[in-house]
Amino acid sequence: MKGRIATAAALIATLAGAQPSASRAPAVSVSLSPPFIEKLARPSGRLSDTIALTNGSLFPVDVSVDFADFRVSDRGEVEEMPPGVDPSSLASHLHITPLTLRVNPKQRAYFRYTVETPAEFRQLREQIFFTSVPVVPNAANQVVFVPRLGVPLYVENISAKPPAVRVDSVKWSRPSNDALELERDVALLTPDKPDPDIVEEIAREVLGFVDPRDQVVIRR
């Protein structure tokens, strides 16, 4: 969904060294593919795939992998937590290999992740982080950029029907600060109580929110 794409876009980047030249590669340049992952799975099932890390740097990088739980606040900010803390954490069901690897310049390496889903779940998620430490010669007053890039992984129960939404009303208002505000009501077309994160992402997609300051307020 667009909300997840926006989150993923903020978590993958190419970092350049302090003094790159036009004729050669940046001192530090690391990228991940795909930038985010969404999978459907059955309870007590198993799925597996790979994440590609490309080292476009001048030097080798020592890559290490770690996990983090995460959730998106009402302000659209990503809150990171230790793995296994959040109720929707995927950490205990997620395995990745290798956990450490040296990747040479201009080389692409593949990290395989495997998920073994529990007997009951609706949606599980985890952030997979890749920290890439450049292997550079020691020098005086040296500053080294260490990229830490993340790939959000979502696993949803294939049997769980996502909630549909309907735009019920649109209201424009202009408060005293002369800024135009838009208020739109969204109705859930399902009797089940859905995951708030899913509701927010669907609402953002339906309503076309693009500004990170926009908020989705869920009224019970």
N, C-alpha and C. Protein backbone atom coordinates (compact mmCIF):
# COMPACT_ATOMS: atom_id res chain seq x y z
N MET A 1 0.83 -1.19 0.00
CA MET A 1 0.00 0.00 0.00
C MET A 1 0.87 1.25 0.00
N LYS A 2 0.29 2.40 -0.33
CA LYS A 2 1.07 3.61 -0.46
C LYS A 2 1.73 4.00 0.85
N GLY A 3 1.02 3.76 2.00
CA GLY A 3 1.62 4.11 3.28
C GLY A 3 2.87 3.31 3.54
N ARG A 4 2.84 2.02 3.17
CA ARG A 4 4.01 1.18 3.37
C ARG A 4 5.12 1.55 2.41
N ILE A 5 4.76 1.93 1.18
CA ILE A 5 5.77 2.35 0.22
C ILE A 5 6.47 3.60 0.71
N ALA A 6 5.71 4.53 1.28
CA ALA A 6 6.30 5.77 1.79
C ALA A 6 7.24 5.48 2.95
N THR A 7 6.83 4.56 3.84
CA THR A 7 7.69 4.19 4.95
C THR A 7 8.96 3.54 4.46
N ALA A 8 8.81 2.63 3.49
CA ALA A 8 9.99 1.96 2.95
C ALA A 8 10.93 2.94 2.27
N ALA A 9 10.37 3.92 1.58
CA ALA A 9 11.20 4.89 0.87
C ALA A 9 12.06 5.69 1.84
N ALA A 10 11.55 5.89 3.06
CA ALA A 10 12.31 6.64 4.06
C ALA A 10 13.40 5.80 4.69
N LEU A 11 13.36 4.48 4.46
CA LEU A 11 14.26 3.58 5.15
C LEU A 11 15.34 3.00 4.23
N ILE A 12 15.33 3.35 2.94
CA ILE A 12 16.36 2.85 2.04
C ILE A 12 16.98 4.05 1.33
N ALA A 13 18.30 4.13 1.29
CA ALA A 13 18.96 5.28 0.70
C ALA A 13 20.36 4.89 0.27
N THR A 14 20.97 5.70 -0.54
CA THR A 14 22.37 5.53 -0.92
C THR A 14 23.17 6.64 -0.28
N LEU A 15 24.17 6.27 0.52
CA LEU A 15 24.97 7.25 1.24
C LEU A 15 26.31 7.42 0.54
N ALA A 16 26.72 8.66 0.34
CA ALA A 16 27.97 8.93 -0.35
C ALA A 16 29.03 9.39 0.63
N GLY A 17 30.31 9.18 0.28
CA GLY A 17 31.41 9.62 1.12
C GLY A 17 31.57 11.12 1.10
N ALA A 18 32.50 11.62 1.93
CA ALA A 18 32.63 13.06 2.10
C ALA A 18 33.19 13.75 0.88
N GLN A 19 34.09 13.06 0.10
CA GLN A 19 34.74 13.71 -1.01
C GLN A 19 34.71 12.82 -2.26
N PRO A 20 33.53 12.51 -2.82
CA PRO A 20 33.49 11.73 -4.04
C PRO A 20 33.88 12.60 -5.23
N SER A 21 34.42 11.98 -6.27
CA SER A 21 34.72 12.70 -7.50
C SER A 21 33.76 12.26 -8.58
N ALA A 22 33.68 13.04 -9.65
CA ALA A 22 32.74 12.74 -10.72
C ALA A 22 33.13 11.51 -11.51
N SER A 23 34.43 11.11 -11.45
CA SER A 23 34.92 10.03 -12.29
C SER A 23 34.96 8.68 -11.60
N ARG A 24 34.59 8.61 -10.35
CA ARG A 24 34.65 7.33 -9.65
C ARG A 24 33.46 7.18 -8.72
N ALA A 25 33.28 5.96 -8.23
CA ALA A 25 32.13 5.66 -7.38
C ALA A 25 32.25 6.36 -6.03
N PRO A 26 31.12 6.60 -5.34
CA PRO A 26 31.19 7.18 -4.00
C PRO A 26 31.95 6.27 -3.05
N ALA A 27 32.53 6.88 -1.99
CA ALA A 27 33.29 6.09 -1.02
C ALA A 27 32.41 5.05 -0.35
N VAL A 28 31.15 5.41 -0.03
CA VAL A 28 30.22 4.48 0.61
C VAL A 28 28.89 4.55 -0.14
N SER A 29 28.47 3.44 -0.72
CA SER A 29 27.21 3.41 -1.45
C SER A 29 26.63 2.01 -1.35
N VAL A 30 25.52 1.88 -0.60
CA VAL A 30 24.90 0.58 -0.37
C VAL A 30 23.40 0.70 -0.63
N SER A 31 22.82 -0.28 -1.29
CA SER A 31 21.39 -0.26 -1.57
C SER A 31 20.79 -1.64 -1.35
N LEU A 32 19.47 -1.66 -1.08
CA LEU A 32 18.75 -2.90 -0.82
C LEU A 32 17.61 -3.06 -1.81
N SER A 33 17.30 -4.30 -2.14
CA SER A 33 16.16 -4.60 -3.00
C SER A 33 15.55 -5.94 -2.56
N PRO A 34 14.22 -5.95 -2.35
CA PRO A 34 13.24 -4.88 -2.53
C PRO A 34 13.26 -3.91 -1.35
N PRO A 35 12.68 -2.70 -1.53
CA PRO A 35 12.68 -1.73 -0.44
C PRO A 35 11.69 -2.06 0.66
N PHE A 36 10.65 -2.85 0.37
CA PHE A 36 9.72 -3.32 1.39
C PHE A 36 9.13 -4.64 0.90
N ILE A 37 8.58 -5.41 1.85
CA ILE A 37 8.10 -6.76 1.52
C ILE A 37 6.72 -6.95 2.13
N GLU A 38 5.79 -7.43 1.33
CA GLU A 38 4.46 -7.83 1.80
C GLU A 38 4.22 -9.27 1.35
N LYS A 39 3.86 -10.13 2.28
CA LYS A 39 3.61 -11.53 1.98
C LYS A 39 2.28 -11.97 2.58
N LEU A 40 1.61 -12.87 1.88
CA LEU A 40 0.43 -13.55 2.40
C LEU A 40 0.83 -14.97 2.78
N ALA A 41 0.36 -15.44 3.92
CA ALA A 41 0.74 -16.77 4.39
C ALA A 41 -0.42 -17.40 5.14
N ARG A 42 -0.40 -18.71 5.19
CA ARG A 42 -1.41 -19.45 5.96
C ARG A 42 -0.89 -19.71 7.36
N PRO A 43 -1.79 -19.89 8.33
CA PRO A 43 -1.36 -20.26 9.69
C PRO A 43 -0.56 -21.55 9.67
N SER A 44 0.44 -21.61 10.54
CA SER A 44 1.34 -22.78 10.64
C SER A 44 1.98 -23.09 9.29
N GLY A 45 2.28 -22.03 8.55
CA GLY A 45 2.88 -22.19 7.23
C GLY A 45 4.34 -21.75 7.23
N ARG A 46 4.91 -21.76 6.04
CA ARG A 46 6.32 -21.42 5.88
C ARG A 46 6.49 -20.68 4.56
N LEU A 47 7.28 -19.61 4.57
CA LEU A 47 7.61 -18.88 3.34
C LEU A 47 9.06 -18.45 3.39
N SER A 48 9.64 -18.28 2.23
CA SER A 48 11.06 -17.94 2.16
C SER A 48 11.33 -17.13 0.89
N ASP A 49 12.25 -16.17 0.98
CA ASP A 49 12.64 -15.36 -0.17
C ASP A 49 13.97 -14.69 0.16
N THR A 50 14.44 -13.83 -0.73
CA THR A 50 15.75 -13.21 -0.53
C THR A 50 15.66 -11.69 -0.59
N ILE A 51 16.63 -11.04 0.06
CA ILE A 51 16.85 -9.60 -0.02
C ILE A 51 18.25 -9.40 -0.60
N ALA A 52 18.35 -8.56 -1.62
CA ALA A 52 19.64 -8.31 -2.29
C ALA A 52 20.26 -7.03 -1.75
N LEU A 53 21.54 -7.10 -1.39
CA LEU A 53 22.32 -5.93 -0.97
C LEU A 53 23.42 -5.70 -1.99
N THR A 54 23.46 -4.50 -2.55
CA THR A 54 24.47 -4.15 -3.55
C THR A 54 25.45 -3.16 -2.97
N ASN A 55 26.74 -3.49 -3.06
CA ASN A 55 27.79 -2.61 -2.56
C ASN A 55 28.40 -1.86 -3.75
N GLY A 56 28.02 -0.59 -3.89
CA GLY A 56 28.59 0.25 -4.94
C GLY A 56 29.75 1.08 -4.46
N SER A 57 30.35 0.70 -3.34
CA SER A 57 31.42 1.48 -2.73
C SER A 57 32.77 1.18 -3.35
N LEU A 58 33.77 1.98 -2.94
CA LEU A 58 35.15 1.73 -3.34
C LEU A 58 35.80 0.65 -2.49
N PHE A 59 35.18 0.36 -1.32
CA PHE A 59 35.78 -0.56 -0.38
C PHE A 59 34.81 -1.70 -0.07
N PRO A 60 35.33 -2.82 0.44
CA PRO A 60 34.42 -3.86 0.96
C PRO A 60 33.64 -3.32 2.14
N VAL A 61 32.50 -3.95 2.43
CA VAL A 61 31.72 -3.60 3.61
C VAL A 61 31.42 -4.88 4.38
N ASP A 62 31.53 -4.80 5.71
CA ASP A 62 31.14 -5.90 6.58
C ASP A 62 29.69 -5.67 7.00
N VAL A 63 28.82 -6.56 6.55
CA VAL A 63 27.39 -6.41 6.76
C VAL A 63 26.95 -7.27 7.93
N SER A 64 26.15 -6.70 8.82
CA SER A 64 25.52 -7.45 9.91
C SER A 64 24.03 -7.16 9.89
N VAL A 65 23.24 -8.16 10.30
CA VAL A 65 21.78 -8.08 10.22
C VAL A 65 21.20 -8.09 11.63
N ASP A 66 20.22 -7.23 11.87
CA ASP A 66 19.48 -7.26 13.13
C ASP A 66 18.03 -6.89 12.86
N PHE A 67 17.17 -7.14 13.85
CA PHE A 67 15.73 -6.93 13.71
C PHE A 67 15.26 -5.85 14.68
N ALA A 68 14.08 -5.30 14.39
CA ALA A 68 13.42 -4.36 15.30
C ALA A 68 11.93 -4.40 15.04
N ASP A 69 11.14 -4.37 16.14
CA ASP A 69 9.70 -4.16 15.99
C ASP A 69 9.48 -2.70 15.63
N PHE A 70 8.35 -2.39 15.00
CA PHE A 70 8.05 -1.01 14.67
C PHE A 70 6.55 -0.82 14.54
N ARG A 71 6.13 0.42 14.70
CA ARG A 71 4.76 0.80 14.44
C ARG A 71 4.75 2.28 14.04
N VAL A 72 3.66 2.70 13.40
CA VAL A 72 3.55 4.07 12.91
C VAL A 72 2.62 4.84 13.84
N SER A 73 3.09 6.00 14.32
CA SER A 73 2.30 6.80 15.24
C SER A 73 1.21 7.56 14.49
N ASP A 74 0.32 8.24 15.26
CA ASP A 74 -0.73 9.04 14.65
C ASP A 74 -0.17 10.19 13.82
N ARG A 75 1.06 10.59 14.10
CA ARG A 75 1.70 11.68 13.35
C ARG A 75 2.46 11.17 12.13
N GLY A 76 2.37 9.86 11.87
CA GLY A 76 3.07 9.28 10.72
C GLY A 76 4.53 8.98 10.99
N GLU A 77 4.96 9.03 12.26
CA GLU A 77 6.34 8.76 12.61
C GLU A 77 6.52 7.28 12.91
N VAL A 78 7.64 6.71 12.47
CA VAL A 78 7.94 5.31 12.72
C VAL A 78 8.61 5.17 14.08
N GLU A 79 8.01 4.38 14.95
CA GLU A 79 8.56 4.13 16.28
C GLU A 79 9.22 2.76 16.30
N GLU A 80 10.49 2.74 16.60
CA GLU A 80 11.27 1.49 16.62
C GLU A 80 11.35 0.95 18.04
N MET A 81 11.22 -0.38 18.17
CA MET A 81 11.25 -1.03 19.48
C MET A 81 12.12 -2.27 19.41
N PRO A 82 12.58 -2.78 20.55
CA PRO A 82 13.35 -4.02 20.54
C PRO A 82 12.52 -5.16 19.97
N PRO A 83 13.15 -6.13 19.33
CA PRO A 83 12.40 -7.24 18.74
C PRO A 83 11.67 -8.07 19.80
N GLY A 84 10.42 -8.43 19.50
CA GLY A 84 9.63 -9.26 20.40
C GLY A 84 8.77 -8.48 21.38
N VAL A 85 8.80 -7.14 21.33
CA VAL A 85 8.06 -6.33 22.28
C VAL A 85 6.63 -6.08 21.82
N ASP A 86 6.45 -5.72 20.56
CA ASP A 86 5.13 -5.38 20.04
C ASP A 86 4.29 -6.64 19.84
N PRO A 87 2.96 -6.59 20.08
CA PRO A 87 2.11 -7.76 19.89
C PRO A 87 2.14 -8.31 18.45
N SER A 88 2.42 -7.46 17.47
CA SER A 88 2.46 -7.91 16.09
C SER A 88 3.88 -8.27 15.63
N SER A 89 4.78 -8.47 16.59
CA SER A 89 6.18 -8.75 16.25
C SER A 89 6.33 -10.07 15.50
N LEU A 90 7.16 -10.03 14.47
CA LEU A 90 7.49 -11.21 13.68
C LEU A 90 8.81 -11.84 14.11
N ALA A 91 9.47 -11.23 15.08
CA ALA A 91 10.85 -11.59 15.40
C ALA A 91 11.03 -13.07 15.73
N SER A 92 10.13 -13.62 16.55
CA SER A 92 10.31 -15.01 16.98
C SER A 92 10.00 -16.02 15.88
N HIS A 93 9.43 -15.55 14.77
CA HIS A 93 9.08 -16.45 13.67
C HIS A 93 9.96 -16.22 12.44
N LEU A 94 10.95 -15.34 12.58
CA LEU A 94 11.76 -14.91 11.44
C LEU A 94 13.21 -15.38 11.59
N HIS A 95 13.73 -15.95 10.52
CA HIS A 95 15.13 -16.38 10.48
C HIS A 95 15.76 -15.84 9.19
N ILE A 96 17.02 -15.41 9.29
CA ILE A 96 17.71 -14.90 8.11
C ILE A 96 19.14 -15.39 8.10
N THR A 97 19.64 -15.70 6.93
CA THR A 97 21.01 -16.20 6.79
C THR A 97 21.62 -15.66 5.50
N PRO A 98 22.90 -15.26 5.55
CA PRO A 98 23.75 -15.20 6.74
C PRO A 98 23.44 -13.96 7.57
N LEU A 99 23.85 -13.97 8.83
CA LEU A 99 23.67 -12.80 9.69
C LEU A 99 24.83 -11.82 9.56
N THR A 100 25.98 -12.31 9.11
CA THR A 100 27.13 -11.44 8.85
C THR A 100 27.77 -11.88 7.54
N LEU A 101 28.29 -10.90 6.80
CA LEU A 101 28.89 -11.22 5.50
C LEU A 101 29.73 -10.03 5.03
N ARG A 102 30.89 -10.31 4.45
CA ARG A 102 31.68 -9.26 3.81
C ARG A 102 31.31 -9.23 2.33
N VAL A 103 30.95 -8.04 1.86
CA VAL A 103 30.54 -7.86 0.46
C VAL A 103 31.57 -6.96 -0.21
N ASN A 104 32.19 -7.46 -1.27
CA ASN A 104 33.24 -6.73 -1.96
C ASN A 104 32.66 -5.61 -2.83
N PRO A 105 33.51 -4.66 -3.25
CA PRO A 105 33.03 -3.57 -4.10
C PRO A 105 32.40 -4.10 -5.39
N LYS A 106 31.30 -3.43 -5.81
CA LYS A 106 30.57 -3.77 -7.02
C LYS A 106 29.96 -5.17 -6.97
N GLN A 107 29.81 -5.70 -5.78
CA GLN A 107 29.26 -7.05 -5.63
C GLN A 107 27.85 -6.97 -5.05
N ARG A 108 27.01 -7.94 -5.44
CA ARG A 108 25.66 -8.06 -4.90
C ARG A 108 25.57 -9.36 -4.12
N ALA A 109 25.07 -9.27 -2.90
CA ALA A 109 24.91 -10.44 -2.04
C ALA A 109 23.44 -10.64 -1.72
N TYR A 110 23.07 -11.89 -1.48
CA TYR A 110 21.67 -12.22 -1.20
C TYR A 110 21.56 -12.81 0.21
N PHE A 111 20.58 -12.28 0.95
CA PHE A 111 20.28 -12.75 2.30
C PHE A 111 18.91 -13.42 2.26
N ARG A 112 18.86 -14.67 2.67
CA ARG A 112 17.60 -15.41 2.62
C ARG A 112 16.88 -15.32 3.97
N TYR A 113 15.62 -14.91 3.91
CA TYR A 113 14.80 -14.88 5.12
C TYR A 113 13.74 -15.98 5.02
N THR A 114 13.42 -16.56 6.16
CA THR A 114 12.41 -17.61 6.26
C THR A 114 11.47 -17.27 7.40
N VAL A 115 10.18 -17.39 7.15
CA VAL A 115 9.16 -17.11 8.16
C VAL A 115 8.35 -18.37 8.38
N GLU A 116 8.22 -18.77 9.63
CA GLU A 116 7.35 -19.88 10.02
C GLU A 116 6.21 -19.29 10.84
N THR A 117 5.04 -19.22 10.25
CA THR A 117 3.92 -18.51 10.86
C THR A 117 3.31 -19.30 12.01
N PRO A 118 2.77 -18.62 13.01
CA PRO A 118 2.10 -19.31 14.14
C PRO A 118 0.74 -19.85 13.71
N ALA A 119 0.11 -20.59 14.61
CA ALA A 119 -1.19 -21.19 14.31
C ALA A 119 -2.28 -20.13 14.19
N GLU A 120 -2.14 -19.03 14.93
CA GLU A 120 -3.13 -17.96 14.87
C GLU A 120 -2.42 -16.62 14.74
N PHE A 121 -2.81 -15.85 13.75
CA PHE A 121 -2.28 -14.49 13.57
C PHE A 121 -3.13 -13.78 12.53
N ARG A 122 -3.07 -12.46 12.56
CA ARG A 122 -3.74 -11.64 11.54
C ARG A 122 -2.70 -10.94 10.68
N GLN A 123 -1.87 -10.16 11.34
CA GLN A 123 -0.76 -9.52 10.64
C GLN A 123 0.45 -9.49 11.57
N LEU A 124 1.62 -9.82 11.03
CA LEU A 124 2.88 -9.73 11.74
C LEU A 124 3.81 -8.85 10.93
N ARG A 125 4.71 -8.16 11.62
CA ARG A 125 5.63 -7.28 10.90
C ARG A 125 6.94 -7.15 11.66
N GLU A 126 7.99 -6.85 10.91
CA GLU A 126 9.32 -6.68 11.50
C GLU A 126 10.17 -5.84 10.55
N GLN A 127 11.06 -5.07 11.14
CA GLN A 127 12.03 -4.32 10.36
C GLN A 127 13.34 -5.11 10.34
N ILE A 128 13.87 -5.37 9.14
CA ILE A 128 15.15 -6.06 8.99
C ILE A 128 16.20 -5.02 8.65
N PHE A 129 17.16 -4.84 9.54
CA PHE A 129 18.19 -3.82 9.34
C PHE A 129 19.50 -4.45 8.88
N PHE A 130 20.17 -3.75 7.96
CA PHE A 130 21.47 -4.16 7.44
C PHE A 130 22.46 -3.03 7.73
N THR A 131 23.42 -3.29 8.61
CA THR A 131 24.46 -2.32 8.93
C THR A 131 25.71 -2.68 8.14
N SER A 132 26.23 -1.73 7.36
CA SER A 132 27.37 -1.98 6.46
C SER A 132 28.56 -1.12 6.88
N VAL A 133 29.56 -1.76 7.48
CA VAL A 133 30.75 -1.04 7.95
C VAL A 133 31.83 -1.12 6.88
N PRO A 134 32.25 0.02 6.30
CA PRO A 134 33.29 -0.01 5.27
C PRO A 134 34.63 -0.49 5.83
N VAL A 135 35.29 -1.33 5.08
CA VAL A 135 36.63 -1.81 5.45
C VAL A 135 37.63 -0.90 4.76
N VAL A 136 38.09 0.14 5.49
CA VAL A 136 38.96 1.16 4.90
C VAL A 136 40.27 1.22 5.67
N PRO A 137 41.35 1.65 5.01
CA PRO A 137 42.63 1.80 5.71
C PRO A 137 42.52 2.87 6.79
N ASN A 138 43.23 2.65 7.90
CA ASN A 138 43.23 3.63 8.97
C ASN A 138 43.95 4.90 8.54
N ALA A 139 43.41 6.05 8.95
CA ALA A 139 44.03 7.33 8.63
C ALA A 139 43.70 8.33 9.74
N ALA A 140 44.55 9.35 9.87
CA ALA A 140 44.33 10.36 10.91
C ALA A 140 43.08 11.18 10.59
N ASN A 141 42.35 11.55 11.63
CA ASN A 141 41.14 12.39 11.49
C ASN A 141 40.15 11.80 10.49
N GLN A 142 40.01 10.51 10.55
CA GLN A 142 39.16 9.82 9.58
C GLN A 142 37.70 9.81 10.01
N VAL A 143 36.79 10.07 9.06
CA VAL A 143 35.36 9.99 9.29
C VAL A 143 34.80 8.96 8.32
N VAL A 144 34.13 7.94 8.84
CA VAL A 144 33.60 6.86 8.02
C VAL A 144 32.08 6.82 8.17
N PHE A 145 31.38 6.84 7.05
CA PHE A 145 29.93 6.70 7.06
C PHE A 145 29.57 5.22 7.14
N VAL A 146 28.64 4.88 8.06
CA VAL A 146 28.21 3.50 8.24
C VAL A 146 26.71 3.43 7.94
N PRO A 147 26.33 3.03 6.74
CA PRO A 147 24.90 2.95 6.41
C PRO A 147 24.19 1.87 7.23
N ARG A 148 23.00 2.19 7.72
CA ARG A 148 22.11 1.21 8.37
C ARG A 148 20.75 1.33 7.69
N LEU A 149 20.49 0.41 6.79
CA LEU A 149 19.28 0.46 5.98
C LEU A 149 18.31 -0.62 6.43
N GLY A 150 17.01 -0.30 6.36
CA GLY A 150 15.99 -1.23 6.84
C GLY A 150 14.99 -1.60 5.77
N VAL A 151 14.52 -2.84 5.82
CA VAL A 151 13.45 -3.32 4.94
C VAL A 151 12.29 -3.76 5.82
N PRO A 152 11.13 -3.10 5.74
CA PRO A 152 9.97 -3.55 6.52
C PRO A 152 9.35 -4.79 5.89
N LEU A 153 9.09 -5.79 6.71
CA LEU A 153 8.50 -7.05 6.25
C LEU A 153 7.15 -7.23 6.91
N TYR A 154 6.09 -7.33 6.09
CA TYR A 154 4.73 -7.57 6.56
C TYR A 154 4.29 -8.96 6.13
N VAL A 155 3.73 -9.72 7.06
CA VAL A 155 3.14 -11.02 6.74
C VAL A 155 1.70 -11.01 7.22
N GLU A 156 0.76 -11.20 6.29
CA GLU A 156 -0.66 -11.17 6.63
C GLU A 156 -1.29 -12.54 6.40
N ASN A 157 -2.23 -12.86 7.26
CA ASN A 157 -2.97 -14.12 7.14
C ASN A 157 -3.78 -14.09 5.85
N ILE A 158 -3.60 -15.09 5.01
CA ILE A 158 -4.29 -15.12 3.72
C ILE A 158 -5.80 -15.24 3.89
N SER A 159 -6.23 -15.74 5.07
CA SER A 159 -7.66 -15.91 5.33
C SER A 159 -8.30 -14.65 5.89
N ALA A 160 -7.49 -13.70 6.32
CA ALA A 160 -8.03 -12.48 6.92
C ALA A 160 -8.42 -11.50 5.82
N LYS A 161 -9.71 -11.22 5.73
CA LYS A 161 -10.20 -10.30 4.71
C LYS A 161 -9.93 -8.87 5.14
N PRO A 162 -9.17 -8.10 4.36
CA PRO A 162 -8.88 -6.72 4.77
C PRO A 162 -10.14 -5.88 4.76
N PRO A 163 -10.26 -4.92 5.67
CA PRO A 163 -11.46 -4.09 5.73
C PRO A 163 -11.54 -3.15 4.54
N ALA A 164 -12.76 -2.95 4.04
CA ALA A 164 -12.98 -1.96 3.00
C ALA A 164 -13.43 -0.66 3.64
N VAL A 165 -13.26 0.44 2.93
CA VAL A 165 -13.64 1.74 3.46
C VAL A 165 -14.47 2.50 2.43
N ARG A 166 -15.25 3.45 2.92
CA ARG A 166 -16.06 4.30 2.06
C ARG A 166 -15.94 5.73 2.56
N VAL A 167 -15.76 6.67 1.65
CA VAL A 167 -15.72 8.09 2.02
C VAL A 167 -17.14 8.58 2.18
N ASP A 168 -17.55 8.92 3.41
CA ASP A 168 -18.92 9.31 3.70
C ASP A 168 -19.15 10.80 3.49
N SER A 169 -18.22 11.64 3.88
CA SER A 169 -18.45 13.08 3.76
C SER A 169 -17.12 13.81 3.64
N VAL A 170 -17.19 14.98 3.03
CA VAL A 170 -16.02 15.84 2.87
C VAL A 170 -16.38 17.23 3.37
N LYS A 171 -15.52 17.81 4.19
CA LYS A 171 -15.79 19.12 4.76
C LYS A 171 -14.53 19.98 4.71
N TRP A 172 -14.66 21.16 4.10
CA TRP A 172 -13.56 22.11 4.04
C TRP A 172 -13.77 23.19 5.09
N SER A 173 -12.68 23.65 5.68
CA SER A 173 -12.78 24.75 6.64
C SER A 173 -11.52 25.59 6.58
N ARG A 174 -11.65 26.88 6.95
CA ARG A 174 -10.50 27.78 6.96
C ARG A 174 -10.44 28.45 8.33
N PRO A 175 -9.56 27.96 9.22
CA PRO A 175 -9.47 28.54 10.57
C PRO A 175 -8.82 29.92 10.53
N SER A 176 -8.58 30.46 11.74
CA SER A 176 -8.10 31.84 11.85
C SER A 176 -6.73 32.04 11.24
N ASN A 177 -5.90 30.98 11.18
CA ASN A 177 -4.56 31.15 10.61
C ASN A 177 -4.57 31.16 9.09
N ASP A 178 -5.77 31.16 8.47
CA ASP A 178 -5.94 31.26 7.03
C ASP A 178 -5.41 30.04 6.28
N ALA A 179 -5.19 28.92 6.97
CA ALA A 179 -4.75 27.69 6.31
C ALA A 179 -5.97 26.83 6.01
N LEU A 180 -6.05 26.36 4.81
CA LEU A 180 -7.20 25.56 4.39
C LEU A 180 -7.08 24.15 4.94
N GLU A 181 -8.12 23.70 5.64
CA GLU A 181 -8.12 22.37 6.21
C GLU A 181 -9.20 21.52 5.56
N LEU A 182 -8.93 20.22 5.48
CA LEU A 182 -9.87 19.28 4.88
C LEU A 182 -10.16 18.17 5.87
N GLU A 183 -11.45 17.93 6.11
CA GLU A 183 -11.85 16.85 7.00
C GLU A 183 -12.73 15.89 6.22
N ARG A 184 -12.34 14.62 6.19
CA ARG A 184 -13.10 13.63 5.45
C ARG A 184 -13.40 12.44 6.35
N ASP A 185 -14.64 11.98 6.34
CA ASP A 185 -15.04 10.86 7.16
C ASP A 185 -14.99 9.58 6.34
N VAL A 186 -14.47 8.54 6.96
CA VAL A 186 -14.34 7.24 6.30
C VAL A 186 -15.10 6.20 7.11
N ALA A 187 -15.93 5.40 6.46
CA ALA A 187 -16.71 4.37 7.13
C ALA A 187 -16.12 3.00 6.79
N LEU A 188 -15.97 2.17 7.82
CA LEU A 188 -15.52 0.80 7.60
C LEU A 188 -16.69 -0.06 7.13
N LEU A 189 -16.45 -0.84 6.10
CA LEU A 189 -17.51 -1.69 5.56
C LEU A 189 -17.33 -3.13 6.02
N THR A 190 -17.03 -3.30 7.30
CA THR A 190 -16.88 -4.63 7.86
C THR A 190 -17.27 -4.59 9.32
N PRO A 191 -17.93 -5.63 9.83
CA PRO A 191 -18.32 -5.62 11.25
C PRO A 191 -17.17 -5.95 12.18
N ASP A 192 -16.09 -6.52 11.65
CA ASP A 192 -14.97 -6.93 12.49
C ASP A 192 -14.13 -5.72 12.89
N LYS A 193 -13.49 -5.82 14.04
CA LYS A 193 -12.58 -4.77 14.50
C LYS A 193 -11.20 -5.01 13.88
N PRO A 194 -10.77 -4.16 12.95
CA PRO A 194 -9.52 -4.41 12.25
C PRO A 194 -8.32 -3.86 13.00
N ASP A 195 -7.14 -4.19 12.47
CA ASP A 195 -5.90 -3.65 12.99
C ASP A 195 -5.86 -2.15 12.67
N PRO A 196 -5.62 -1.27 13.67
CA PRO A 196 -5.61 0.18 13.40
C PRO A 196 -4.62 0.59 12.33
N ASP A 197 -3.47 -0.09 12.26
CA ASP A 197 -2.48 0.26 11.24
C ASP A 197 -3.02 -0.01 9.84
N ILE A 198 -3.77 -1.12 9.68
CA ILE A 198 -4.34 -1.44 8.38
C ILE A 198 -5.38 -0.40 8.00
N VAL A 199 -6.22 -0.01 8.97
CA VAL A 199 -7.23 1.01 8.70
C VAL A 199 -6.57 2.31 8.25
N GLU A 200 -5.51 2.71 8.94
CA GLU A 200 -4.84 3.96 8.60
C GLU A 200 -4.26 3.91 7.20
N GLU A 201 -3.62 2.79 6.85
CA GLU A 201 -3.00 2.68 5.53
C GLU A 201 -4.06 2.69 4.42
N ILE A 202 -5.19 1.99 4.64
CA ILE A 202 -6.25 1.98 3.63
C ILE A 202 -6.86 3.38 3.50
N ALA A 203 -7.08 4.04 4.64
CA ALA A 203 -7.64 5.39 4.59
C ALA A 203 -6.72 6.34 3.85
N ARG A 204 -5.43 6.24 4.12
CA ARG A 204 -4.48 7.11 3.43
C ARG A 204 -4.51 6.86 1.92
N GLU A 205 -4.62 5.59 1.53
CA GLU A 205 -4.64 5.27 0.11
C GLU A 205 -5.92 5.77 -0.55
N VAL A 206 -7.08 5.56 0.11
CA VAL A 206 -8.36 5.98 -0.46
C VAL A 206 -8.46 7.49 -0.53
N LEU A 207 -7.99 8.16 0.53
CA LEU A 207 -8.14 9.62 0.60
C LEU A 207 -7.02 10.36 -0.11
N GLY A 208 -5.97 9.64 -0.49
CA GLY A 208 -4.90 10.29 -1.23
C GLY A 208 -4.02 11.19 -0.40
N PHE A 209 -3.80 10.86 0.88
CA PHE A 209 -2.93 11.66 1.71
C PHE A 209 -1.48 11.52 1.23
N VAL A 210 -0.79 12.64 1.11
CA VAL A 210 0.61 12.60 0.70
C VAL A 210 1.50 13.38 1.66
N ASP A 211 0.92 14.32 2.38
CA ASP A 211 1.69 15.14 3.31
C ASP A 211 1.90 14.36 4.60
N PRO A 212 3.17 14.23 5.08
CA PRO A 212 3.40 13.48 6.32
C PRO A 212 2.72 14.08 7.54
N ARG A 213 2.26 15.35 7.44
CA ARG A 213 1.56 15.97 8.57
C ARG A 213 0.09 15.57 8.61
N ASP A 214 -0.41 14.98 7.53
CA ASP A 214 -1.79 14.50 7.53
C ASP A 214 -1.95 13.38 8.55
N GLN A 215 -3.12 13.32 9.16
CA GLN A 215 -3.40 12.31 10.18
C GLN A 215 -4.71 11.61 9.89
N VAL A 216 -4.76 10.35 10.26
CA VAL A 216 -6.00 9.59 10.18
C VAL A 216 -6.49 9.38 11.61
N VAL A 217 -7.65 9.92 11.93
CA VAL A 217 -8.22 9.79 13.28
C VAL A 217 -9.32 8.75 13.24
N ILE A 218 -9.14 7.68 14.03
CA ILE A 218 -10.11 6.60 14.05
C ILE A 218 -11.10 6.83 15.19
N ARG A 219 -12.36 7.00 14.84
CA ARG A 219 -13.40 7.23 15.86
C ARG A 219 -14.17 5.95 16.08
N ARG A 220 -14.35 5.58 17.33
CA ARG A 220 -15.09 4.36 17.68
C ARG A 220 -16.57 4.67 17.85
